Amino acid sequence: MQVLVRDNNVDQALRVLKKKLQREGIFREMKQRRAYEKPSERKAREKAEAVRRTKKAARKLAQREGLLPGPKKRVRPDARRPAPAPATA
């Protein structure tokens, strides 16, 4: 994995690296490997993960087909744009 450091900004490069590692699942895998996991526990965990993935895929498909309401869209106030001035009459 490679991250470019621009303008000697190491802090930003570290944030980018952490985000990439998080997406790849490296942190989760490191946490799992800290201790021994019995084969029966591993099978149960992997089966639970597969069930979770399947349910998520089915939920997304139902949302796309209109059978379920879609996720609520978050309304964030845009700090860059000033609020419109109140109309004076």
N, C-alpha and C. Protein backbone atom coordinates (compact mmCIF):
# COMPACT_ATOMS: atom_id res chain seq x y z
N MET A 1 0.85 -1.17 0.00
CA MET A 1 0.00 0.00 0.00
C MET A 1 0.90 1.24 0.00
N GLN A 2 0.50 2.22 -0.76
CA GLN A 2 1.34 3.40 -0.92
C GLN A 2 0.51 4.67 -0.72
N VAL A 3 1.09 5.61 0.02
CA VAL A 3 0.44 6.89 0.26
C VAL A 3 1.45 7.98 -0.06
N LEU A 4 1.03 8.96 -0.82
CA LEU A 4 1.92 10.05 -1.18
C LEU A 4 1.84 11.17 -0.14
N VAL A 5 3.00 11.72 0.21
CA VAL A 5 3.04 12.85 1.15
C VAL A 5 3.22 14.11 0.31
N ARG A 6 2.23 15.00 0.38
CA ARG A 6 2.29 16.23 -0.40
C ARG A 6 2.64 17.40 0.50
N ASP A 7 3.49 18.26 0.04
CA ASP A 7 3.88 19.48 0.76
C ASP A 7 4.34 19.18 2.18
N ASN A 8 5.01 18.06 2.36
CA ASN A 8 5.56 17.69 3.66
C ASN A 8 4.48 17.57 4.73
N ASN A 9 3.25 17.26 4.33
CA ASN A 9 2.12 17.16 5.25
C ASN A 9 1.94 15.69 5.64
N VAL A 10 2.65 15.28 6.69
CA VAL A 10 2.64 13.89 7.12
C VAL A 10 1.32 13.54 7.81
N ASP A 11 0.73 14.49 8.53
CA ASP A 11 -0.52 14.23 9.23
C ASP A 11 -1.63 13.83 8.26
N GLN A 12 -1.72 14.54 7.16
CA GLN A 12 -2.75 14.22 6.17
C GLN A 12 -2.47 12.86 5.53
N ALA A 13 -1.20 12.56 5.28
CA ALA A 13 -0.85 11.26 4.70
C ALA A 13 -1.20 10.13 5.66
N LEU A 14 -0.99 10.34 6.96
CA LEU A 14 -1.36 9.32 7.95
C LEU A 14 -2.86 9.08 7.97
N ARG A 15 -3.64 10.17 7.88
CA ARG A 15 -5.10 10.02 7.85
C ARG A 15 -5.53 9.21 6.63
N VAL A 16 -4.92 9.49 5.49
CA VAL A 16 -5.26 8.76 4.26
C VAL A 16 -4.89 7.29 4.41
N LEU A 17 -3.72 7.03 5.00
CA LEU A 17 -3.28 5.65 5.20
C LEU A 17 -4.24 4.91 6.13
N LYS A 18 -4.63 5.54 7.23
CA LYS A 18 -5.56 4.89 8.17
C LYS A 18 -6.88 4.57 7.49
N LYS A 19 -7.36 5.50 6.67
CA LYS A 19 -8.63 5.28 5.98
C LYS A 19 -8.51 4.10 5.01
N LYS A 20 -7.39 4.01 4.29
CA LYS A 20 -7.19 2.89 3.37
C LYS A 20 -7.13 1.57 4.12
N LEU A 21 -6.40 1.54 5.25
CA LEU A 21 -6.29 0.32 6.04
C LEU A 21 -7.65 -0.08 6.60
N GLN A 22 -8.44 0.90 7.01
CA GLN A 22 -9.77 0.63 7.54
C GLN A 22 -10.64 -0.01 6.46
N ARG A 23 -10.59 0.54 5.25
CA ARG A 23 -11.40 0.00 4.15
C ARG A 23 -11.00 -1.42 3.80
N GLU A 24 -9.71 -1.72 3.88
CA GLU A 24 -9.21 -3.04 3.54
C GLU A 24 -9.52 -4.07 4.63
N GLY A 25 -9.85 -3.61 5.83
CA GLY A 25 -10.15 -4.53 6.91
C GLY A 25 -8.93 -5.01 7.66
N ILE A 26 -7.82 -4.29 7.52
CA ILE A 26 -6.57 -4.70 8.17
C ILE A 26 -6.69 -4.62 9.68
N PHE A 27 -7.31 -3.55 10.20
CA PHE A 27 -7.43 -3.38 11.64
C PHE A 27 -8.27 -4.51 12.25
N ARG A 28 -9.35 -4.88 11.58
CA ARG A 28 -10.21 -5.95 12.07
C ARG A 28 -9.45 -7.27 12.12
N GLU A 29 -8.68 -7.52 11.06
CA GLU A 29 -7.91 -8.76 10.99
C GLU A 29 -6.83 -8.80 12.07
N MET A 30 -6.18 -7.66 12.30
CA MET A 30 -5.15 -7.62 13.35
C MET A 30 -5.76 -7.92 14.72
N LYS A 31 -6.93 -7.36 14.97
CA LYS A 31 -7.60 -7.58 16.25
C LYS A 31 -7.96 -9.06 16.42
N GLN A 32 -8.41 -9.70 15.35
CA GLN A 32 -8.77 -11.11 15.43
C GLN A 32 -7.56 -11.99 15.67
N ARG A 33 -6.43 -11.62 15.13
CA ARG A 33 -5.24 -12.46 15.23
C ARG A 33 -4.48 -12.29 16.53
N ARG A 34 -4.91 -11.36 17.39
CA ARG A 34 -4.23 -11.18 18.67
C ARG A 34 -4.33 -12.42 19.55
N ALA A 35 -5.45 -13.12 19.45
CA ALA A 35 -5.66 -14.31 20.27
C ALA A 35 -6.08 -15.47 19.36
N TYR A 36 -5.84 -16.69 19.86
CA TYR A 36 -6.20 -17.88 19.10
C TYR A 36 -7.71 -18.00 19.01
N GLU A 37 -8.17 -18.37 17.85
CA GLU A 37 -9.60 -18.58 17.63
C GLU A 37 -9.82 -20.05 17.29
N LYS A 38 -10.64 -20.70 18.09
CA LYS A 38 -10.91 -22.12 17.86
C LYS A 38 -11.61 -22.29 16.51
N PRO A 39 -11.36 -23.43 15.85
CA PRO A 39 -12.00 -23.65 14.55
C PRO A 39 -13.53 -23.57 14.61
N SER A 40 -14.13 -24.05 15.70
CA SER A 40 -15.59 -23.99 15.81
C SER A 40 -16.06 -22.54 15.92
N GLU A 41 -15.31 -21.69 16.68
CA GLU A 41 -15.65 -20.28 16.80
C GLU A 41 -15.49 -19.57 15.45
N ARG A 42 -14.45 -19.96 14.72
CA ARG A 42 -14.20 -19.35 13.41
C ARG A 42 -15.34 -19.66 12.44
N LYS A 43 -15.79 -20.92 12.44
CA LYS A 43 -16.90 -21.30 11.56
C LYS A 43 -18.16 -20.53 11.92
N ALA A 44 -18.42 -20.40 13.23
CA ALA A 44 -19.62 -19.68 13.67
C ALA A 44 -19.54 -18.22 13.27
N ARG A 45 -18.37 -17.60 13.43
CA ARG A 45 -18.19 -16.19 13.06
C ARG A 45 -18.37 -15.99 11.57
N GLU A 46 -17.74 -16.86 10.77
CA GLU A 46 -17.85 -16.73 9.32
C GLU A 46 -19.28 -16.94 8.85
N LYS A 47 -20.00 -17.87 9.49
CA LYS A 47 -21.39 -18.11 9.11
C LYS A 47 -22.25 -16.89 9.45
N ALA A 48 -22.00 -16.30 10.63
CA ALA A 48 -22.75 -15.10 11.03
C ALA A 48 -22.46 -13.95 10.07
N GLU A 49 -21.19 -13.80 9.65
CA GLU A 49 -20.84 -12.75 8.70
C GLU A 49 -21.55 -12.97 7.37
N ALA A 50 -21.62 -14.23 6.93
CA ALA A 50 -22.29 -14.53 5.66
C ALA A 50 -23.78 -14.21 5.75
N VAL A 51 -24.40 -14.54 6.89
CA VAL A 51 -25.82 -14.23 7.07
C VAL A 51 -26.03 -12.73 7.04
N ARG A 52 -25.15 -11.98 7.71
CA ARG A 52 -25.26 -10.52 7.74
C ARG A 52 -25.13 -9.94 6.34
N ARG A 53 -24.17 -10.45 5.56
CA ARG A 53 -23.99 -9.97 4.18
C ARG A 53 -25.22 -10.26 3.34
N THR A 54 -25.78 -11.48 3.48
CA THR A 54 -26.94 -11.86 2.70
C THR A 54 -28.15 -10.99 3.04
N LYS A 55 -28.36 -10.74 4.34
CA LYS A 55 -29.48 -9.89 4.75
C LYS A 55 -29.31 -8.47 4.22
N LYS A 56 -28.09 -7.97 4.25
CA LYS A 56 -27.83 -6.61 3.76
C LYS A 56 -28.11 -6.53 2.27
N ALA A 57 -27.65 -7.54 1.51
CA ALA A 57 -27.88 -7.55 0.07
C ALA A 57 -29.38 -7.62 -0.24
N ALA A 58 -30.12 -8.44 0.51
CA ALA A 58 -31.56 -8.56 0.29
C ALA A 58 -32.27 -7.25 0.63
N ARG A 59 -31.84 -6.59 1.70
CA ARG A 59 -32.45 -5.32 2.09
C ARG A 59 -32.20 -4.26 1.02
N LYS A 60 -30.97 -4.20 0.50
CA LYS A 60 -30.65 -3.22 -0.54
C LYS A 60 -31.46 -3.49 -1.81
N LEU A 61 -31.61 -4.76 -2.16
CA LEU A 61 -32.38 -5.12 -3.35
C LEU A 61 -33.84 -4.71 -3.17
N ALA A 62 -34.40 -4.96 -1.98
CA ALA A 62 -35.79 -4.59 -1.72
C ALA A 62 -35.96 -3.07 -1.77
N GLN A 63 -34.96 -2.33 -1.30
CA GLN A 63 -35.04 -0.87 -1.38
C GLN A 63 -35.01 -0.40 -2.82
N ARG A 64 -34.16 -1.02 -3.63
CA ARG A 64 -34.06 -0.62 -5.04
C ARG A 64 -35.36 -0.91 -5.78
N GLU A 65 -36.03 -2.02 -5.41
CA GLU A 65 -37.28 -2.39 -6.08
C GLU A 65 -38.48 -1.65 -5.52
N GLY A 66 -38.28 -0.87 -4.47
CA GLY A 66 -39.36 -0.08 -3.91
C GLY A 66 -40.22 -0.80 -2.89
N LEU A 67 -39.80 -1.99 -2.46
CA LEU A 67 -40.57 -2.73 -1.47
C LEU A 67 -40.35 -2.20 -0.05
N LEU A 68 -39.18 -1.61 0.17
CA LEU A 68 -38.84 -1.00 1.46
C LEU A 68 -38.49 0.46 1.23
N PRO A 69 -38.75 1.30 2.22
CA PRO A 69 -38.31 2.70 2.06
C PRO A 69 -36.79 2.77 2.08
N GLY A 70 -36.25 3.69 1.31
CA GLY A 70 -34.81 3.86 1.26
C GLY A 70 -34.27 4.48 2.53
N PRO A 71 -32.96 4.53 2.65
CA PRO A 71 -32.37 5.15 3.85
C PRO A 71 -32.69 6.63 3.89
N LYS A 72 -32.88 7.14 5.10
CA LYS A 72 -33.18 8.56 5.25
C LYS A 72 -31.94 9.37 4.91
N LYS A 73 -32.15 10.44 4.15
CA LYS A 73 -31.04 11.29 3.77
C LYS A 73 -30.79 12.29 4.88
N ARG A 74 -29.53 12.40 5.27
CA ARG A 74 -29.18 13.33 6.33
C ARG A 74 -29.05 14.72 5.75
N VAL A 75 -29.60 15.67 6.44
CA VAL A 75 -29.51 17.06 6.02
C VAL A 75 -28.45 17.73 6.88
N ARG A 76 -27.37 18.11 6.24
CA ARG A 76 -26.29 18.77 6.96
C ARG A 76 -26.27 20.23 6.59
N PRO A 77 -26.17 21.08 7.57
CA PRO A 77 -26.05 22.51 7.22
C PRO A 77 -24.69 22.75 6.57
N ASP A 78 -24.71 23.45 5.46
CA ASP A 78 -23.48 23.72 4.73
C ASP A 78 -22.81 24.95 5.35
N ALA A 79 -21.69 24.75 6.00
CA ALA A 79 -21.01 25.84 6.70
C ALA A 79 -20.35 26.81 5.72
N ARG A 80 -20.08 26.35 4.51
CA ARG A 80 -19.39 27.21 3.55
C ARG A 80 -20.32 28.26 2.95
N ARG A 81 -21.60 27.95 2.87
CA ARG A 81 -22.55 28.85 2.24
C ARG A 81 -23.31 29.61 3.33
N PRO A 82 -23.29 30.94 3.29
CA PRO A 82 -24.02 31.68 4.33
C PRO A 82 -25.52 31.53 4.14
N ALA A 83 -26.25 31.64 5.25
CA ALA A 83 -27.69 31.51 5.21
C ALA A 83 -28.27 32.73 4.45
N PRO A 84 -29.38 32.51 3.73
CA PRO A 84 -29.96 33.65 2.98
C PRO A 84 -30.51 34.71 3.95
N ALA A 85 -30.38 35.96 3.55
CA ALA A 85 -30.84 37.07 4.39
C ALA A 85 -32.36 37.09 4.42
N PRO A 86 -32.96 37.40 5.57
CA PRO A 86 -34.42 37.44 5.63
C PRO A 86 -34.96 38.59 4.77
N ALA A 87 -36.10 38.32 4.17
CA ALA A 87 -36.70 39.34 3.29
C ALA A 87 -37.32 40.45 4.16
N THR A 88 -37.03 41.67 3.79
CA THR A 88 -37.60 42.83 4.50
C THR A 88 -38.61 43.51 3.62
N ALA A 89 -39.73 43.86 4.21
CA ALA A 89 -40.78 44.50 3.40
C ALA A 89 -41.09 45.89 3.89
